[in-house]
Amino acid sequence: MYLSRMCRNIRPLFNFEPPATDEEVTAAALQYVRKVSGTREPKGKNVAIFEKAVADITRATRRLVDSLETKAPPKNREEEAAKARARNQVRFG
């Protein structure tokens, strides 16, 4: 399985304080649908199908994130963002 390889634009949403917002969940769903469909802007009949997929995945993602449990303390968004910037600095210079 390829679970360790995730689209860089989709960020982890679980176990943050404050919890992931609906906007973050929808943005992740949108990125997923774009990646899977291979299109950024659907055309014609595909628009409704694309939008339904985003809505379905948003609901599923919200259920998942809200249902997961951990004993680990919640992560701090600013600290995680700083770590990501440091990794990017090393990676891209």
Protein backbone atom coordinates (compact mmCIF):
# COMPACT_ATOMS: atom_id res chain seq x y z
CA MET A 1 0.00 0.00 0.00
CA TYR A 2 1.05 3.58 -0.59
CA LEU A 3 -0.36 5.20 2.55
CA SER A 4 2.89 6.97 3.33
CA ARG A 5 2.75 8.86 0.01
CA MET A 6 0.16 11.60 0.13
CA CYS A 7 -0.53 14.53 -2.12
CA ARG A 8 1.49 17.43 -0.71
CA ASN A 9 -1.51 19.74 -0.93
CA ILE A 10 -3.66 17.57 1.32
CA ARG A 11 -2.66 18.19 4.90
CA PRO A 12 -3.33 15.98 7.91
CA LEU A 13 -6.50 17.14 9.65
CA PHE A 14 -6.67 14.89 12.70
CA ASN A 15 -5.56 15.71 16.23
CA PHE A 16 -5.06 19.45 15.97
CA GLU A 17 -6.05 22.13 18.43
CA PRO A 18 -8.27 23.77 17.42
CA PRO A 19 -9.87 20.97 15.38
CA ALA A 20 -9.97 21.11 11.58
CA THR A 21 -12.49 23.59 10.26
CA ASP A 22 -15.15 22.76 7.70
CA GLU A 23 -13.21 24.89 5.22
CA GLU A 24 -10.06 22.80 5.74
CA VAL A 25 -12.01 19.57 5.30
CA THR A 26 -13.64 20.86 2.11
CA ALA A 27 -10.28 22.06 0.76
CA ALA A 28 -8.79 18.60 1.34
CA ALA A 29 -11.76 16.96 -0.41
CA LEU A 30 -11.41 19.35 -3.35
CA GLN A 31 -7.69 18.58 -3.69
CA TYR A 32 -8.43 14.85 -3.56
CA VAL A 33 -11.09 15.06 -6.28
CA ARG A 34 -8.82 17.21 -8.44
CA LYS A 35 -5.99 14.70 -8.07
CA VAL A 36 -8.13 11.63 -8.76
CA SER A 37 -10.04 13.18 -11.67
CA GLY A 38 -6.97 14.77 -13.20
CA THR A 39 -8.75 18.08 -13.66
CA ARG A 40 -8.77 21.36 -11.83
CA GLU A 41 -11.88 22.81 -13.49
CA PRO A 42 -14.46 20.33 -14.79
CA LYS A 43 -16.55 21.27 -17.81
CA GLY A 44 -20.10 20.56 -18.93
CA LYS A 45 -21.85 17.59 -17.36
CA ASN A 46 -18.79 16.84 -15.26
CA VAL A 47 -19.31 19.95 -13.10
CA ALA A 48 -22.23 18.45 -11.16
CA ILE A 49 -20.46 15.10 -10.80
CA PHE A 50 -17.29 16.84 -9.59
CA GLU A 51 -19.20 18.97 -7.06
CA LYS A 52 -21.12 15.94 -5.75
CA ALA A 53 -17.86 14.05 -5.31
CA VAL A 54 -16.37 16.94 -3.33
CA ALA A 55 -19.49 17.08 -1.12
CA ASP A 56 -19.48 13.30 -0.57
CA ILE A 57 -15.79 13.22 0.29
CA THR A 58 -16.15 16.24 2.55
CA ARG A 59 -18.84 14.44 4.58
CA ALA A 60 -16.81 11.22 4.72
CA THR A 61 -13.67 13.10 5.77
CA ARG A 62 -15.52 15.01 8.49
CA ARG A 63 -16.96 11.73 9.85
CA LEU A 64 -13.50 10.16 9.80
CA VAL A 65 -11.71 13.05 11.48
CA ASP A 66 -14.43 13.40 14.11
CA SER A 67 -14.44 9.65 14.86
CA LEU A 68 -10.71 8.99 15.19
CA GLU A 69 -9.28 8.65 18.66
CA THR A 70 -5.78 9.04 20.04
CA LYS A 71 -4.03 9.33 23.37
CA ALA A 72 -1.47 11.68 21.85
CA PRO A 73 -1.80 15.34 22.79
CA PRO A 74 -3.22 17.59 20.06
CA LYS A 75 -0.70 19.15 17.70
CA ASN A 76 -0.18 22.88 17.50
CA ARG A 77 -0.84 24.29 14.03
CA GLU A 78 1.88 26.94 14.23
CA GLU A 79 4.51 24.47 15.41
CA GLU A 80 3.59 21.99 12.65
CA ALA A 81 3.70 24.78 10.05
CA ALA A 82 7.16 25.81 11.29
CA LYS A 83 8.37 22.21 10.99
CA ALA A 84 7.01 22.01 7.44
CA ARG A 85 8.76 25.27 6.50
CA ALA A 86 12.03 23.91 7.90
CA ARG A 87 11.64 20.67 5.91
CA ASN A 88 10.92 22.67 2.76
CA GLN A 89 13.98 24.86 3.35
CA VAL A 90 16.17 21.75 3.55
CA ARG A 91 14.45 20.18 0.56
CA PHE A 92 14.32 23.19 -1.75
CA GLY A 93 17.03 25.45 -0.32
